[in-house]
Amino acid sequence: MEIALREVRVSPTQEVYNPGDVLTVAIFFAKPWTGEVEVGLAPDGAVTGSYPTTVFARSGGSLYEGQVHVRREHIGTCRMLATFTGVDGESAIVPAVGTLFAVRPIVP
């Protein structure tokens, strides 16, 4: 399955995130795509394994939107991964954003 991403927008954009932050993510495709999109932060930059994801809503033929919650278990370095499942049932896991996310605990 070929995933033609045009752009991924993350808001707010910060150098360091904290547990409790909510990231709003918009995924734009180069051409219309139909299927299910799940996005989550994978601790330690791991590409495989179990990590919490959020199912995104389709807002248009080439736009999916949703929110990713930063949790305590994300403290350290994380990569935002997206799982794309087409209508044929075929899945692909790809990095949604090329950069790593730094998550630091809130210190009183």
Protein backbone atom coordinates (compact mmCIF):
# COMPACT_ATOMS: atom_id res chain seq x y z
CA MET A 1 0.00 0.00 0.00
CA GLU A 2 1.37 3.38 -1.00
CA ILE A 3 0.75 6.31 1.35
CA ALA A 4 1.29 9.68 -0.36
CA LEU A 5 1.44 12.20 2.48
CA ARG A 6 1.61 15.82 1.39
CA GLU A 7 1.87 17.51 4.79
CA VAL A 8 1.41 16.87 8.51
CA ARG A 9 0.59 19.83 10.75
CA VAL A 10 1.03 19.63 14.53
CA SER A 11 -0.26 22.34 16.84
CA PRO A 12 1.01 23.68 19.20
CA THR A 13 4.61 23.47 18.03
CA GLN A 14 7.06 23.42 20.94
CA GLU A 15 10.60 22.25 21.57
CA VAL A 16 9.56 20.38 24.72
CA TYR A 17 6.14 18.94 25.62
CA ASN A 18 4.80 17.97 29.04
CA PRO A 19 2.46 15.17 30.15
CA GLY A 20 -1.09 16.48 29.83
CA ASP A 21 -0.44 18.42 26.62
CA VAL A 22 -2.82 17.77 23.74
CA LEU A 23 -1.52 17.95 20.19
CA THR A 24 -3.90 18.70 17.34
CA VAL A 25 -2.73 16.92 14.19
CA ALA A 26 -3.88 17.34 10.59
CA ILE A 27 -2.70 14.85 7.95
CA PHE A 28 -2.99 15.95 4.32
CA PHE A 29 -2.68 13.40 1.51
CA ALA A 30 -1.33 14.19 -1.96
CA LYS A 31 -4.36 12.45 -3.48
CA PRO A 32 -7.69 11.38 -1.95
CA TRP A 33 -7.33 8.34 0.31
CA THR A 34 -9.95 6.26 2.14
CA GLY A 35 -9.29 4.12 5.18
CA GLU A 36 -8.56 4.34 8.90
CA VAL A 37 -5.79 6.49 10.36
CA GLU A 38 -4.47 5.94 13.90
CA VAL A 39 -1.76 8.19 15.35
CA GLY A 40 0.19 7.97 18.59
CA LEU A 41 3.49 8.71 20.28
CA ALA A 42 5.85 5.76 20.50
CA PRO A 43 8.32 6.09 23.42
CA ASP A 44 12.04 5.82 22.74
CA GLY A 45 11.53 6.27 19.02
CA ALA A 46 10.48 2.62 18.63
CA VAL A 47 8.87 1.73 15.31
CA THR A 48 7.12 -1.41 16.55
CA GLY A 49 5.43 -2.39 19.78
CA SER A 50 2.39 -1.34 21.71
CA TYR A 51 1.63 2.33 22.23
CA PRO A 52 -1.66 4.23 22.68
CA THR A 53 -3.18 5.60 19.49
CA THR A 54 -6.12 7.79 18.54
CA VAL A 55 -8.35 7.12 15.53
CA PHE A 56 -8.53 10.22 13.37
CA ALA A 57 -11.65 11.55 11.65
CA ARG A 58 -11.84 12.02 7.92
CA SER A 59 -12.53 15.70 7.26
CA GLY A 60 -12.29 15.57 3.48
CA GLY A 61 -11.09 13.36 0.66
CA SER A 62 -7.47 14.13 1.45
CA LEU A 63 -7.57 15.34 5.09
CA TYR A 64 -7.72 13.43 8.38
CA GLU A 65 -7.68 15.25 11.75
CA GLY A 66 -7.43 14.29 15.40
CA GLN A 67 -5.71 14.80 18.74
CA VAL A 68 -2.80 13.03 20.37
CA HIS A 69 -2.50 13.14 24.16
CA VAL A 70 0.96 13.37 25.74
CA ARG A 71 1.07 11.00 28.73
CA ARG A 72 3.42 10.32 31.60
CA GLU A 73 4.77 7.19 29.91
CA HIS A 74 5.98 9.37 27.00
CA ILE A 75 8.63 11.11 29.13
CA GLY A 76 11.87 11.05 27.16
CA THR A 77 12.15 10.98 23.39
CA CYS A 78 9.17 9.93 21.28
CA ARG A 79 8.33 9.58 17.62
CA MET A 80 4.84 10.24 16.25
CA LEU A 81 3.78 7.17 14.29
CA ALA A 82 0.73 6.78 12.07
CA THR A 83 -0.96 3.50 11.16
CA PHE A 84 -2.82 3.61 7.86
CA THR A 85 -5.31 0.82 7.14
CA GLY A 86 -6.83 0.88 3.69
CA VAL A 87 -10.26 -0.40 2.75
CA ASP A 88 -8.56 -3.57 1.49
CA GLY A 89 -7.38 -4.30 5.06
CA GLU A 90 -3.70 -3.73 4.29
CA SER A 91 -1.84 -1.70 6.97
CA ALA A 92 1.30 0.43 6.99
CA ILE A 93 3.03 2.11 9.95
CA VAL A 94 5.01 5.22 9.04
CA PRO A 95 6.50 8.15 10.98
CA ALA A 96 3.94 10.96 10.76
CA VAL A 97 6.54 13.62 11.52
CA GLY A 98 10.25 13.35 10.74
CA THR A 99 11.45 14.90 13.99
CA LEU A 100 11.52 13.41 17.47
CA PHE A 101 9.37 14.82 20.29
CA ALA A 102 10.98 15.66 23.63
CA VAL A 103 8.67 15.12 26.62
CA ARG A 104 9.76 16.34 30.06
CA PRO A 105 7.98 15.94 33.40
CA ILE A 106 6.46 18.98 35.05
CA VAL A 107 8.64 19.81 38.05
CA PRO A 108 7.13 21.94 40.83
